[in-house]
Protein backbone atom coordinates (compact mmCIF):
# COMPACT_ATOMS: atom_id res chain seq x y z
CA MET A 1 0.04 0.03 -0.04
CA ASN A 2 1.54 3.31 -1.16
CA VAL A 3 1.11 6.03 1.50
CA ASN A 4 1.77 9.72 1.06
CA PHE A 5 0.83 11.93 4.03
CA GLY A 6 1.99 15.01 2.12
CA VAL A 7 -1.23 15.10 0.22
CA THR A 8 -3.21 15.10 3.49
CA ALA A 9 -1.12 17.84 5.01
CA SER A 10 -4.04 20.40 5.34
CA ASP A 11 -6.43 17.95 6.95
CA TYR A 12 -3.62 16.54 9.02
CA ALA A 13 -2.79 19.90 10.49
CA LYS A 14 -6.41 20.82 11.13
CA HIS A 15 -7.85 17.60 12.37
CA ARG A 16 -5.02 15.56 13.89
CA ALA A 17 -4.28 17.68 17.11
CA GLY A 18 -1.75 15.16 18.36
CA PHE A 19 -1.02 13.70 21.80
CA PRO A 20 -3.14 14.79 24.78
CA ASP A 21 -1.83 17.02 27.70
CA ALA A 22 -2.06 13.90 29.91
CA PHE A 23 0.66 12.21 27.81
CA PHE A 24 3.10 15.15 28.29
CA GLU A 25 2.28 15.37 31.98
CA ARG A 26 3.06 11.72 32.37
CA VAL A 27 6.47 11.67 30.57
CA PHE A 28 7.64 14.83 32.42
CA THR A 29 6.33 13.65 35.85
CA GLU A 30 8.23 10.41 35.51
CA GLY A 31 11.42 12.13 34.42
CA ILE A 32 11.47 10.36 31.01
CA ILE A 33 11.86 13.86 29.47
CA LYS A 34 12.99 16.98 31.24
CA PRO A 35 12.82 20.68 30.66
CA GLY A 36 16.13 21.67 28.96
CA ASP A 37 16.57 18.38 27.14
CA VAL A 38 18.01 18.51 23.66
CA LEU A 39 15.49 16.56 21.70
CA VAL A 40 14.93 15.19 18.23
CA ASP A 41 11.45 14.24 17.04
CA VAL A 42 11.75 11.79 14.09
CA GLY A 43 8.81 11.47 11.59
CA THR A 44 7.61 14.75 13.11
CA GLY A 45 4.78 15.30 10.56
CA THR A 46 3.08 18.49 11.32
CA GLY A 47 5.13 18.87 14.53
CA THR A 48 2.53 18.08 17.22
CA LEU A 49 5.02 16.29 19.48
CA ALA A 50 7.83 18.76 18.61
CA ARG A 51 5.73 21.67 19.59
CA GLY A 52 4.47 19.99 22.78
CA PHE A 53 8.07 19.47 23.95
CA ALA A 54 9.28 22.89 22.87
CA GLU A 55 6.38 24.46 24.79
CA ARG A 56 7.62 22.66 27.91
CA GLY A 57 11.28 23.89 27.75
CA CYS A 58 13.00 21.40 25.43
CA LYS A 59 15.38 22.43 22.69
CA VAL A 60 13.75 20.52 19.78
CA THR A 61 14.63 19.53 16.13
CA GLY A 62 11.93 17.88 14.08
CA ILE A 63 12.68 15.82 10.95
CA ASP A 64 10.44 14.30 8.24
CA ILE A 65 10.57 13.28 4.60
CA ALA A 66 7.30 14.96 3.68
CA ALA A 67 7.97 18.53 2.64
CA GLN A 68 4.26 19.56 2.79
CA MET A 69 4.00 18.37 6.33
CA LEU A 70 7.12 20.28 7.33
CA GLU A 71 5.71 23.41 5.89
CA GLN A 72 2.59 22.97 8.03
CA ALA A 73 4.83 22.20 11.05
CA LYS A 74 6.72 25.43 10.52
CA ASP A 75 3.50 27.52 10.12
CA LEU A 76 2.00 26.07 13.31
CA SER A 77 5.07 26.67 15.38
CA LEU A 78 5.24 30.26 14.14
CA GLN A 79 1.57 30.76 15.09
CA ALA A 80 2.38 29.25 18.46
CA GLU A 81 5.47 31.44 18.81
CA LEU A 82 7.62 28.34 19.43
CA GLU A 83 11.18 27.76 18.18
CA VAL A 84 11.64 24.38 16.58
CA ASP A 85 14.37 23.54 14.01
CA PHE A 86 12.54 21.56 11.36
CA ARG A 87 14.60 19.73 8.81
CA PHE A 88 13.98 17.42 5.80
CA ALA A 89 15.69 14.08 6.65
CA LYS A 90 15.02 10.39 6.99
CA ALA A 91 14.69 8.77 10.34
CA GLU A 92 17.07 6.00 9.01
CA ALA A 93 19.77 8.51 8.12
CA THR A 94 19.26 11.75 9.94
CA GLY A 95 22.53 13.31 9.17
CA LEU A 96 22.77 14.41 12.83
CA PRO A 97 26.03 14.16 14.77
CA ASP A 98 26.95 11.22 16.97
CA ASP A 99 26.24 11.33 20.77
CA SER A 100 24.59 14.81 20.60
CA PHE A 101 20.94 14.46 21.94
CA ASP A 102 19.29 13.72 25.30
CA VAL A 103 16.17 12.34 23.79
CA VAL A 104 14.82 11.00 20.57
CA THR A 105 11.06 10.72 20.15
CA ALA A 106 8.94 9.04 17.52
CA GLY A 107 5.13 9.74 17.63
CA GLN A 108 2.59 7.84 15.61
CA CYS A 109 5.33 6.86 13.06
CA TRP A 110 7.57 3.99 14.23
CA HIS A 111 5.64 1.48 12.11
CA TRP A 112 6.40 3.36 8.91
CA PHE A 113 10.16 3.10 9.32
CA ASP A 114 12.83 0.43 8.64
CA ARG A 115 12.62 -0.16 12.36
CA PRO A 116 15.88 -2.02 13.03
CA ASN A 117 17.94 0.59 11.14
CA VAL A 118 16.11 3.51 12.85
CA ALA A 119 16.76 1.97 16.23
CA LEU A 120 20.40 1.86 15.40
CA GLU A 121 20.38 5.43 14.04
CA VAL A 122 18.64 6.73 17.16
CA LYS A 123 21.30 4.91 19.33
CA ARG A 124 24.01 6.61 17.29
CA ILE A 125 22.80 10.14 17.81
CA LEU A 126 21.88 9.85 21.45
CA LYS A 127 24.25 10.78 24.20
CA PRO A 128 25.40 7.99 26.51
CA ASN A 129 22.38 7.34 28.89
CA GLY A 130 20.15 9.25 26.39
CA ARG A 131 16.60 8.10 26.02
CA ILE A 132 14.29 6.99 23.27
CA LEU A 133 10.57 7.40 23.46
CA ILE A 134 8.14 5.81 20.96
CA ALA A 135 4.55 6.67 21.30
CA HIS A 136 1.14 6.04 19.66
CA PHE A 137 -2.17 7.59 20.27
CA ASP A 138 -4.77 5.45 18.47
CA TRP A 139 -8.52 5.32 18.15
CA LEU A 140 -10.06 2.05 19.47
CA PRO A 141 -12.51 0.01 17.36
CA LEU A 142 -14.80 -1.73 19.82
CA THR A 143 -17.59 -3.83 18.42
CA GLY A 144 -20.30 -1.71 16.90
CA ASN A 145 -18.87 1.68 18.00
CA VAL A 146 -18.35 4.65 15.56
CA VAL A 147 -14.64 3.62 15.08
CA ASP A 148 -15.54 0.11 14.16
CA LEU A 149 -18.14 1.22 11.64
CA THR A 150 -15.69 3.81 10.19
CA GLU A 151 -12.90 1.14 9.74
CA LYS A 152 -15.42 -1.20 8.08
CA LEU A 153 -16.27 1.59 5.62
CA ILE A 154 -12.56 2.13 4.96
CA GLN A 155 -12.29 -1.62 4.30
CA THR A 156 -14.75 -1.25 1.36
CA TYR A 157 -12.49 1.32 -0.25
CA ASN A 158 -9.10 0.14 0.90
CA PRO A 159 -9.05 -3.58 1.99
CA LYS A 160 -5.26 -3.60 2.03
CA TRP A 161 -5.25 -0.94 4.74
CA TYR A 162 -7.88 -2.79 6.71
CA ALA A 163 -5.97 -6.07 6.48
CA GLU A 164 -2.86 -4.44 7.94
CA PHE A 165 -4.30 -1.81 10.38
CA GLY A 166 -7.96 -2.60 11.00
CA GLY A 167 -9.14 -3.71 14.41
CA MET A 168 -5.84 -2.62 16.18
CA THR A 169 -5.68 -2.59 20.03
CA GLY A 170 -3.15 0.24 20.26
CA ILE A 171 -0.55 -1.98 21.94
CA TYR A 172 2.76 -2.66 20.12
CA SER A 173 4.88 -5.34 21.87
CA GLU A 174 7.11 -5.74 18.85
CA TRP A 175 8.66 -2.40 19.48
CA LEU A 176 10.25 -3.74 22.72
CA ARG A 177 12.12 -6.28 20.55
CA ASP A 178 13.26 -3.47 18.20
CA LEU A 179 14.90 -1.54 21.10
CA GLY A 180 16.31 -4.76 22.80
CA GLU A 181 17.94 -5.97 19.62
CA ALA A 182 19.47 -2.51 19.16
CA GLY A 183 21.07 -2.69 22.56
CA PHE A 184 18.87 -0.33 24.51
CA LEU A 185 18.48 -0.89 28.37
CA ASP A 186 15.78 -0.39 30.96
CA ILE A 187 13.02 -0.90 28.38
CA GLN A 188 9.63 0.09 29.89
CA THR A 189 6.03 0.68 28.73
CA PHE A 190 2.90 2.36 29.93
CA SER A 191 -0.58 2.97 28.51
CA PHE A 192 -3.83 4.72 29.36
CA ASP A 193 -7.17 5.25 27.70
CA MET A 194 -9.27 8.29 27.21
CA ASP A 195 -12.17 9.59 25.21
CA VAL A 196 -11.53 12.36 22.75
CA PRO A 197 -14.56 14.53 21.59
CA TYR A 198 -15.11 15.12 17.77
CA THR A 199 -17.82 16.85 15.89
CA HIS A 200 -19.03 15.02 12.81
CA GLU A 201 -17.04 17.39 10.56
CA ALA A 202 -13.85 16.89 12.69
CA TRP A 203 -14.10 13.13 12.73
CA ARG A 204 -14.54 13.11 8.92
CA GLY A 205 -11.49 15.34 8.66
CA ARG A 206 -9.46 13.11 10.94
CA ILE A 207 -10.41 10.07 8.81
CA ARG A 208 -9.44 11.89 5.56
CA ALA A 209 -5.99 12.58 7.15
CA SER A 210 -5.53 8.87 7.88
CA SER A 211 -3.20 6.45 5.97
CA GLY A 212 -6.19 4.42 4.88
CA VAL A 213 -8.05 7.32 3.22
CA GLY A 214 -6.50 10.63 2.20
CA ALA A 215 -2.89 9.31 2.20
CA SER A 216 -3.53 6.34 -0.13
CA LEU A 217 -6.91 6.72 -2.04
CA SER A 218 -7.53 8.76 -5.29
CA ASP A 219 -9.25 12.13 -4.89
CA GLU A 220 -12.40 10.56 -6.35
CA ASP A 221 -12.50 7.79 -3.77
CA VAL A 222 -11.69 10.07 -0.92
CA GLY A 223 -14.70 12.26 -1.89
CA GLY A 224 -16.98 9.18 -2.25
CA PHE A 225 -15.76 7.75 1.10
CA ASP A 226 -16.31 11.10 2.82
CA LEU A 227 -19.94 11.29 1.63
CA GLU A 228 -20.63 7.83 2.81
CA LEU A 229 -19.04 8.47 6.20
CA LYS A 230 -21.10 11.67 6.50
CA SER A 231 -24.28 9.66 5.87
CA LEU A 232 -23.18 6.93 8.30
CA LEU A 233 -22.60 9.46 11.13
CA GLU A 234 -25.99 11.03 10.49
CA VAL A 235 -27.72 7.73 10.75
CA GLN A 236 -25.86 6.76 13.94
CA GLU A 237 -26.75 10.13 15.48
CA GLN A 238 -30.42 9.62 14.58
CA VAL A 239 -30.41 6.16 16.16
CA ALA A 240 -28.70 7.45 19.31
CA ALA A 241 -31.16 10.30 19.56
CA ARG A 242 -34.14 8.19 18.65
CA GLY A 243 -34.83 10.24 15.64
CA GLU A 244 -34.07 13.65 17.04
CA THR A 245 -31.27 15.26 15.16
CA ASP A 246 -28.68 17.61 16.80
CA SER A 247 -27.14 20.38 14.69
CA HIS A 248 -23.85 20.04 16.70
CA PRO A 249 -23.55 16.35 17.50
CA ILE A 250 -20.42 15.27 19.49
CA LEU A 251 -18.82 11.93 19.17
CA ASN A 252 -16.73 10.64 22.24
CA ILE A 253 -14.15 8.45 20.39
CA PRO A 254 -12.19 6.09 22.66
CA HIS A 255 -8.40 6.31 22.33
CA ARG A 256 -5.34 4.58 23.80
CA VAL A 257 -1.96 6.21 24.44
CA PHE A 258 0.83 3.59 24.32
CA VAL A 259 4.51 4.40 25.13
CA VAL A 260 7.78 2.46 25.11
CA HIS A 261 10.89 4.17 26.49
CA ALA A 262 14.38 2.99 26.99
CA ARG A 263 17.98 4.07 27.64
CA LYS A 264 21.15 3.99 25.66
CA PRO A 265 24.02 2.44 27.62
CA GLY A 266 26.29 4.82 29.30
């Protein structure tokens, strides 16, 4: 399946707000990341993680291979009056110096990489005892919920995506092996669940910005899918309200934060 998030950059920036405050509170409270850390965010996309860490006192570099996403990241950082050094580079070959960073983060992107090589590249650029943090923030398709119905609609347009990514639990045990085989120590995980509110319009935008729709389907199919999702949401809302429509319906979408973090040997 060919995926190009660059073509979804506008929807991505508008509708994929990134990790919740509770994620940042957890990693700072536990001392995984500290204010003043020199940090690289690989696969930064529109820079949601990069901005979150910069806002909390880290010196941040963000890298990605999608130029359109980097442009959105730069614009959003300027709007937020945050200083982040965004660069065009591959996670597998960052071009960054050896032993130079306190932390490397990867949010919502580790599965797109050549994971063994990225783990070794991260280890190369980290300082001794530097830390890697890999995180995902995933919707949860529970039987019959809006996410489940949305994924099954994606399946009709993009069965390859569904076969690879449909019905996920938001837990990625294989990442522990990636880090262990690269020689990282003190590998730990945590996860927590939360609901995220979406309007119908925002949920449609979020799905258009996903790998299974806007990043891999033709413009015609994206348009057709979006109209079908609009109808699906309207029907679900009418069922929930027993026929009484709401002009501003809110969907509470279950999500799971999952984090793996580890230390480079000293």
